[in-house]
Amino acid sequence: MEKRTLTLILILLSVSFSYGCIDELVPVGNQNEAMPDVSVYELEPFLDELDIEHTSMNTTTFYLSDNGSVRTVHAIENASSINIITIEDILGSGDDPISNIVIVADAADQVDASAETFMELSLAGSTSTINYTLTKSKERAQEKFHLDFNGNITGFVAYTLKVPGKQDFLYVPTHPSVVRIILPQGYSTGNSFIGKVQPEPDERFHDIRDREVLVWHDLRVNQSSFFGMGDDVLSSSSQKEILRPVSIKIYTSSAPKMLLIGMSILLIGALAVIVNYYRTRRRLEMLRESIEKDFGKDKRKE
């Protein structure tokens, strides 16, 4: 009896130890059974002006909102997966950070990765019959999601991100691409006092809906720029590709004007207090001089 009990305990300890040491991908729900809504996304090909021959259509576009959700659209070429790093919600709302996954694409070996192909896909109006799996893992205390397709595809992949801050957004890129961030109508960014953006975008303009658009053509940073000339002895294949994260804080377009008005009111108020202080001080000095003068006269009469 004692041997059986000891054996059972050893088995339980072995299972517990093995479970604690496993670091594998965890499936996230059954995303394929969800009913995706393609109508909420803007699927549009973006032609990089710096890429004159349009050798790449890879683009990542974020449509920010004022309610904490970010509609994300990837235009990808011959890709079998997308990795997504989400921002941890310290308040622990419990909501899924990724929802409404939509795929409008074709098998990469059946289409050309051209502007015409992406234009046709953007007008499709329906999702493609492409299966995928969504898993997540932990990497350096960051939660990373892996969207894997059942083959290499070319086209659009869209989903909605839930971000903790309604006016703050951080994008940690996992693959090189042109990056666009489209602000909600009536919002702006870039003011050093109330809303910085790092790094500075390569382009800033307003689209036909009067939304401000920020564009980064290339977020890659060569490792040698960090470690100096000593890296020249390394072969190019051994140099790790580094991608700069994008940090942005948005605010209403009227916020800088309201800030200026508020600062002006504070300045006027401060000046009024200073002027009143010196006037009061001068009045008291004059009163003191008058009292001292009268006291001197009375003393001389005595």
Protein backbone atom coordinates (compact mmCIF):
# COMPACT_ATOMS: atom_id res chain seq x y z
CA MET A 1 0.00 0.00 0.00
CA GLU A 2 2.82 2.36 0.90
CA LYS A 3 4.59 1.57 -2.39
CA ARG A 4 1.43 2.39 -4.39
CA THR A 5 0.98 5.66 -2.52
CA LEU A 6 4.62 6.63 -3.07
CA THR A 7 4.40 5.74 -6.77
CA LEU A 8 1.23 7.84 -7.17
CA ILE A 9 2.86 10.82 -5.47
CA LEU A 10 5.92 10.55 -7.74
CA ILE A 11 3.71 10.42 -10.83
CA LEU A 12 1.75 13.49 -9.72
CA LEU A 13 4.96 15.41 -9.00
CA SER A 14 6.39 14.47 -12.41
CA VAL A 15 3.26 15.65 -14.21
CA SER A 16 3.18 18.91 -12.26
CA PHE A 17 6.86 19.58 -12.92
CA SER A 18 6.48 18.86 -16.64
CA TYR A 19 3.47 21.14 -16.92
CA GLY A 20 5.32 23.99 -15.24
CA CYS A 21 8.30 23.68 -17.60
CA ILE A 22 6.34 23.64 -20.86
CA ASP A 23 6.42 26.96 -22.74
CA GLU A 24 4.25 26.43 -25.79
CA LEU A 25 1.69 28.25 -27.85
CA VAL A 26 -1.76 28.51 -26.33
CA PRO A 27 -4.76 28.44 -28.71
CA VAL A 28 -7.00 31.49 -28.48
CA GLY A 29 -10.61 30.37 -28.84
CA ASN A 30 -12.04 29.04 -32.10
CA GLN A 31 -11.64 32.07 -34.28
CA ASN A 32 -12.65 30.34 -37.50
CA GLU A 33 -16.25 29.92 -36.28
CA ALA A 34 -16.71 33.66 -35.62
CA MET A 35 -18.71 35.69 -38.10
CA PRO A 36 -16.28 38.34 -39.37
CA ASP A 37 -17.63 41.71 -40.49
CA VAL A 38 -15.58 42.97 -43.42
CA SER A 39 -17.67 46.15 -43.78
CA VAL A 40 -16.01 47.86 -40.79
CA TYR A 41 -12.59 47.87 -42.49
CA GLU A 42 -11.11 50.08 -45.19
CA LEU A 43 -9.23 47.78 -47.52
CA GLU A 44 -7.20 49.96 -49.82
CA PRO A 45 -3.83 49.38 -51.49
CA PHE A 46 -1.18 51.96 -50.63
CA LEU A 47 1.44 52.76 -53.26
CA ASP A 48 4.66 53.90 -51.63
CA GLU A 49 5.91 56.96 -53.54
CA LEU A 50 9.50 56.10 -52.62
CA ASP A 51 9.09 52.66 -54.18
CA ILE A 52 8.93 53.87 -57.77
CA GLU A 53 8.71 50.39 -59.29
CA HIS A 54 6.22 49.23 -56.62
CA THR A 55 8.37 46.25 -55.75
CA SER A 56 6.51 45.74 -52.46
CA MET A 57 2.90 46.21 -51.37
CA ASN A 58 3.52 45.31 -47.73
CA THR A 59 1.67 47.89 -45.65
CA THR A 60 0.42 48.04 -42.08
CA THR A 61 -2.36 50.57 -41.46
CA PHE A 62 -3.88 51.51 -38.11
CA TYR A 63 -7.18 53.38 -37.94
CA LEU A 64 -7.27 54.93 -34.48
CA SER A 65 -10.52 55.82 -32.71
CA ASP A 66 -11.60 57.69 -29.60
CA ASN A 67 -13.06 54.61 -27.89
CA GLY A 68 -9.95 52.48 -27.32
CA SER A 69 -10.28 50.25 -30.40
CA VAL A 70 -7.88 50.24 -33.34
CA ARG A 71 -8.87 48.79 -36.70
CA THR A 72 -5.75 47.22 -38.21
CA VAL A 73 -5.27 46.30 -41.86
CA HIS A 74 -2.23 44.43 -43.20
CA ALA A 75 -1.52 44.25 -46.91
CA ILE A 76 0.83 41.27 -47.21
CA GLU A 77 2.70 39.47 -49.96
CA ASN A 78 3.48 35.75 -49.91
CA ALA A 79 3.16 35.50 -46.11
CA SER A 80 2.23 32.48 -44.04
CA SER A 81 1.78 34.24 -40.69
CA ILE A 82 1.56 37.55 -38.85
CA ASN A 83 2.94 38.16 -35.37
CA ILE A 84 1.17 40.73 -33.20
CA ILE A 85 2.53 42.22 -29.99
CA THR A 86 -0.25 43.67 -27.86
CA ILE A 87 -0.04 46.21 -25.05
CA GLU A 88 -0.80 44.77 -21.64
CA ASP A 89 -3.93 46.13 -19.96
CA ILE A 90 -2.82 46.71 -16.35
CA LEU A 91 -6.43 47.26 -15.30
CA GLY A 92 -7.27 43.74 -16.47
CA SER A 93 -10.55 44.42 -18.27
CA GLY A 94 -10.62 40.80 -19.49
CA ASP A 95 -11.59 41.70 -23.07
CA ASP A 96 -9.94 39.86 -25.94
CA PRO A 97 -7.24 42.14 -27.40
CA ILE A 98 -7.89 40.86 -30.95
CA SER A 99 -11.32 40.42 -32.51
CA ASN A 100 -13.19 40.36 -35.83
CA ILE A 101 -10.41 38.82 -37.91
CA VAL A 102 -11.05 39.24 -41.63
CA ILE A 103 -9.01 37.72 -44.45
CA VAL A 104 -9.48 38.87 -48.03
CA ALA A 105 -6.67 37.15 -49.92
CA ASP A 106 -5.69 34.42 -52.35
CA ALA A 107 -3.03 31.75 -52.34
CA ALA A 108 0.29 33.44 -53.13
CA ASP A 109 1.08 31.04 -55.96
CA GLN A 110 -2.19 31.86 -57.74
CA VAL A 111 -1.95 35.68 -57.96
CA ASP A 112 0.61 38.37 -58.67
CA ALA A 113 1.47 40.75 -55.84
CA SER A 114 0.57 43.78 -57.95
CA ALA A 115 -1.42 46.93 -57.31
CA GLU A 116 -4.13 45.59 -59.60
CA THR A 117 -4.48 42.42 -57.53
CA PHE A 118 -4.82 44.36 -54.29
CA MET A 119 -7.34 46.72 -55.90
CA GLU A 120 -9.47 43.77 -57.00
CA LEU A 121 -9.32 42.23 -53.53
CA SER A 122 -10.29 45.54 -51.91
CA LEU A 123 -13.49 45.56 -53.98
CA ALA A 124 -14.38 41.93 -53.22
CA GLY A 125 -16.72 42.83 -50.35
CA SER A 126 -16.51 39.35 -48.79
CA THR A 127 -14.03 37.22 -46.87
CA SER A 128 -11.89 34.47 -48.36
CA THR A 129 -12.11 30.79 -47.51
CA ILE A 130 -8.69 30.70 -45.90
CA ASN A 131 -8.31 28.88 -42.60
CA TYR A 132 -6.12 30.23 -39.85
CA THR A 133 -5.16 29.61 -36.24
CA LEU A 134 -4.61 32.25 -33.57
CA THR A 135 -2.27 31.35 -30.73
CA LYS A 136 -0.43 33.37 -28.12
CA SER A 137 2.82 33.10 -26.23
CA LYS A 138 4.85 35.05 -23.68
CA GLU A 139 8.11 36.62 -24.74
CA ARG A 140 10.05 38.77 -22.28
CA ALA A 141 6.89 39.43 -20.28
CA GLN A 142 5.13 40.60 -23.46
CA GLU A 143 2.10 38.85 -24.90
CA LYS A 144 2.58 37.93 -28.54
CA PHE A 145 -0.17 36.60 -30.80
CA HIS A 146 0.57 34.41 -33.81
CA LEU A 147 -1.88 34.45 -36.71
CA ASP A 148 -0.93 31.47 -38.88
CA PHE A 149 -2.58 30.71 -42.24
CA ASN A 150 -2.90 27.35 -43.95
CA GLY A 151 -0.40 28.44 -46.60
CA ASN A 152 1.31 31.45 -48.08
CA ILE A 153 -1.21 34.15 -49.05
CA THR A 154 -1.28 37.54 -50.74
CA GLY A 155 -3.92 40.10 -49.88
CA PHE A 156 -5.48 41.81 -46.87
CA VAL A 157 -5.67 40.66 -43.25
CA ALA A 158 -7.64 42.86 -40.86
CA TYR A 159 -8.56 42.72 -37.20
CA THR A 160 -9.60 45.01 -34.36
CA LEU A 161 -7.18 45.70 -31.52
CA LYS A 162 -8.30 46.64 -28.02
CA VAL A 163 -5.79 49.10 -26.52
CA PRO A 164 -5.69 50.23 -22.88
CA GLY A 165 -5.39 53.97 -23.53
CA LYS A 166 -7.92 55.85 -25.64
CA GLN A 167 -5.41 58.54 -26.68
CA ASP A 168 -2.13 56.61 -26.49
CA PHE A 169 -1.00 54.02 -29.00
CA LEU A 170 2.20 52.00 -29.26
CA TYR A 171 3.07 49.79 -32.21
CA VAL A 172 5.88 47.27 -31.88
CA PRO A 173 6.60 46.05 -35.42
CA THR A 174 7.44 42.41 -36.04
CA HIS A 175 8.09 42.60 -39.78
CA PRO A 176 9.29 45.32 -42.19
CA SER A 177 6.55 47.25 -43.99
CA VAL A 178 5.29 50.72 -44.72
CA VAL A 179 3.36 51.85 -41.64
CA ARG A 180 0.41 54.24 -41.73
CA ILE A 181 -1.51 55.62 -38.76
CA ILE A 182 -4.80 57.35 -39.55
CA LEU A 183 -6.18 59.56 -36.79
CA PRO A 184 -9.88 60.00 -36.05
CA GLN A 185 -11.51 62.99 -37.66
CA GLY A 186 -11.00 66.09 -35.53
CA TYR A 187 -7.82 64.76 -33.89
CA SER A 188 -4.14 65.59 -34.32
CA THR A 189 -0.73 64.81 -32.81
CA GLY A 190 2.82 66.13 -32.64
CA ASN A 191 2.48 68.92 -30.08
CA SER A 192 5.48 68.69 -27.75
CA PHE A 193 3.36 69.64 -24.72
CA ILE A 194 0.27 67.47 -25.08
CA GLY A 195 0.96 64.80 -27.69
CA LYS A 196 4.30 63.64 -29.03
CA VAL A 197 4.92 61.15 -31.80
CA GLN A 198 8.10 59.08 -31.99
CA PRO A 199 9.81 58.68 -34.35
CA GLU A 200 8.86 61.60 -36.56
CA PRO A 201 6.82 60.40 -39.56
CA ASP A 202 8.16 60.67 -43.08
CA GLU A 203 4.87 62.08 -44.32
CA ARG A 204 1.89 63.94 -42.84
CA PHE A 205 -1.23 64.85 -44.77
CA HIS A 206 -5.04 64.83 -44.60
CA ASP A 207 -7.11 62.36 -46.62
CA ILE A 208 -10.40 63.01 -48.39
CA ARG A 209 -12.23 62.51 -45.09
CA ASP A 210 -10.13 65.25 -43.48
CA ARG A 211 -8.33 62.72 -41.27
CA GLU A 212 -4.68 63.26 -40.48
CA VAL A 213 -2.46 60.50 -41.89
CA LEU A 214 1.07 59.70 -40.71
CA VAL A 215 3.38 57.54 -42.84
CA TRP A 216 6.67 55.80 -42.04
CA HIS A 217 8.30 54.30 -45.13
CA ASP A 218 10.94 52.24 -43.33
CA LEU A 219 11.29 51.57 -39.58
CA ARG A 220 14.35 49.37 -39.94
CA VAL A 221 17.51 50.32 -38.06
CA ASN A 222 20.84 48.68 -38.83
CA GLN A 223 22.52 47.14 -35.82
CA SER A 224 25.84 48.74 -36.75
CA SER A 225 24.37 52.19 -36.02
CA PHE A 226 24.18 51.13 -32.37
CA PHE A 227 27.53 49.37 -31.95
CA GLY A 228 29.80 51.50 -34.11
CA MET A 229 32.41 50.68 -36.66
CA GLY A 230 33.39 47.45 -34.91
CA ASP A 231 30.44 45.75 -36.56
CA ASP A 232 31.99 46.23 -39.98
CA VAL A 233 33.92 43.01 -39.45
CA LEU A 234 30.67 41.10 -39.18
CA SER A 235 29.01 39.74 -42.28
CA SER A 236 25.69 41.28 -43.28
CA SER A 237 23.92 37.99 -42.61
CA SER A 238 24.97 38.05 -38.96
CA GLN A 239 23.59 41.52 -38.29
CA LYS A 240 20.22 41.47 -36.61
CA GLU A 241 17.48 43.58 -38.11
CA ILE A 242 16.01 46.04 -35.62
CA LEU A 243 12.64 47.72 -36.08
CA ARG A 244 11.83 50.97 -34.30
CA PRO A 245 8.55 51.04 -32.35
CA VAL A 246 6.08 53.84 -33.01
CA SER A 247 4.61 55.75 -30.08
CA ILE A 248 1.83 58.27 -30.56
CA LYS A 249 -0.49 60.34 -28.38
CA ILE A 250 -3.49 61.98 -30.01
CA TYR A 251 -5.61 64.93 -28.94
CA THR A 252 -8.49 66.94 -30.33
CA SER A 253 -7.48 69.50 -32.94
CA SER A 254 -8.75 72.30 -30.70
CA ALA A 255 -6.61 71.17 -27.74
CA PRO A 256 -3.52 73.32 -28.59
CA LYS A 257 -5.73 76.40 -28.96
CA MET A 258 -7.48 75.67 -25.67
CA LEU A 259 -4.07 75.10 -24.05
CA LEU A 260 -2.86 78.45 -25.38
CA ILE A 261 -5.99 80.18 -24.09
CA GLY A 262 -5.61 78.51 -20.70
CA MET A 263 -1.92 79.47 -20.47
CA SER A 264 -2.80 83.06 -21.48
CA ILE A 265 -5.46 83.23 -18.75
CA LEU A 266 -2.97 81.89 -16.21
CA LEU A 267 -0.35 84.38 -17.36
CA ILE A 268 -2.79 87.29 -17.14
CA GLY A 269 -3.86 86.09 -13.70
CA ALA A 270 -0.24 85.82 -12.57
CA LEU A 271 0.52 89.33 -13.86
CA ALA A 272 -2.55 90.68 -12.08
CA VAL A 273 -1.40 89.09 -8.80
CA ILE A 274 2.12 90.50 -9.22
CA VAL A 275 0.83 94.00 -10.06
CA ASN A 276 -1.58 93.91 -7.13
CA TYR A 277 1.24 92.76 -4.84
CA TYR A 278 3.51 95.67 -5.78
CA ARG A 279 0.64 98.16 -5.54
CA THR A 280 -0.27 96.88 -2.09
CA ARG A 281 3.36 96.95 -1.04
CA ARG A 282 3.78 100.52 -2.29
CA ARG A 283 0.60 101.58 -0.52
CA LEU A 284 1.81 100.09 2.76
CA GLU A 285 5.21 101.74 2.36
CA MET A 286 3.55 105.10 1.79
CA LEU A 287 1.34 104.53 4.84
CA ARG A 288 4.37 103.63 6.93
CA GLU A 289 6.25 106.72 5.76
CA SER A 290 3.22 108.87 6.58
CA ILE A 291 2.97 107.36 10.08
CA GLU A 292 6.68 107.80 10.71
CA LYS A 293 6.47 111.41 9.49
CA ASP A 294 3.54 112.21 11.76
CA PHE A 295 5.28 110.50 14.66
CA GLY A 296 8.39 112.63 14.08
CA LYS A 297 6.35 115.83 14.07
CA ASP A 298 4.65 114.90 17.35
CA LYS A 299 8.02 114.11 18.91
CA ARG A 300 9.48 117.48 17.93
CA LYS A 301 6.49 119.36 19.42
CA GLU A 302 7.16 117.68 22.75
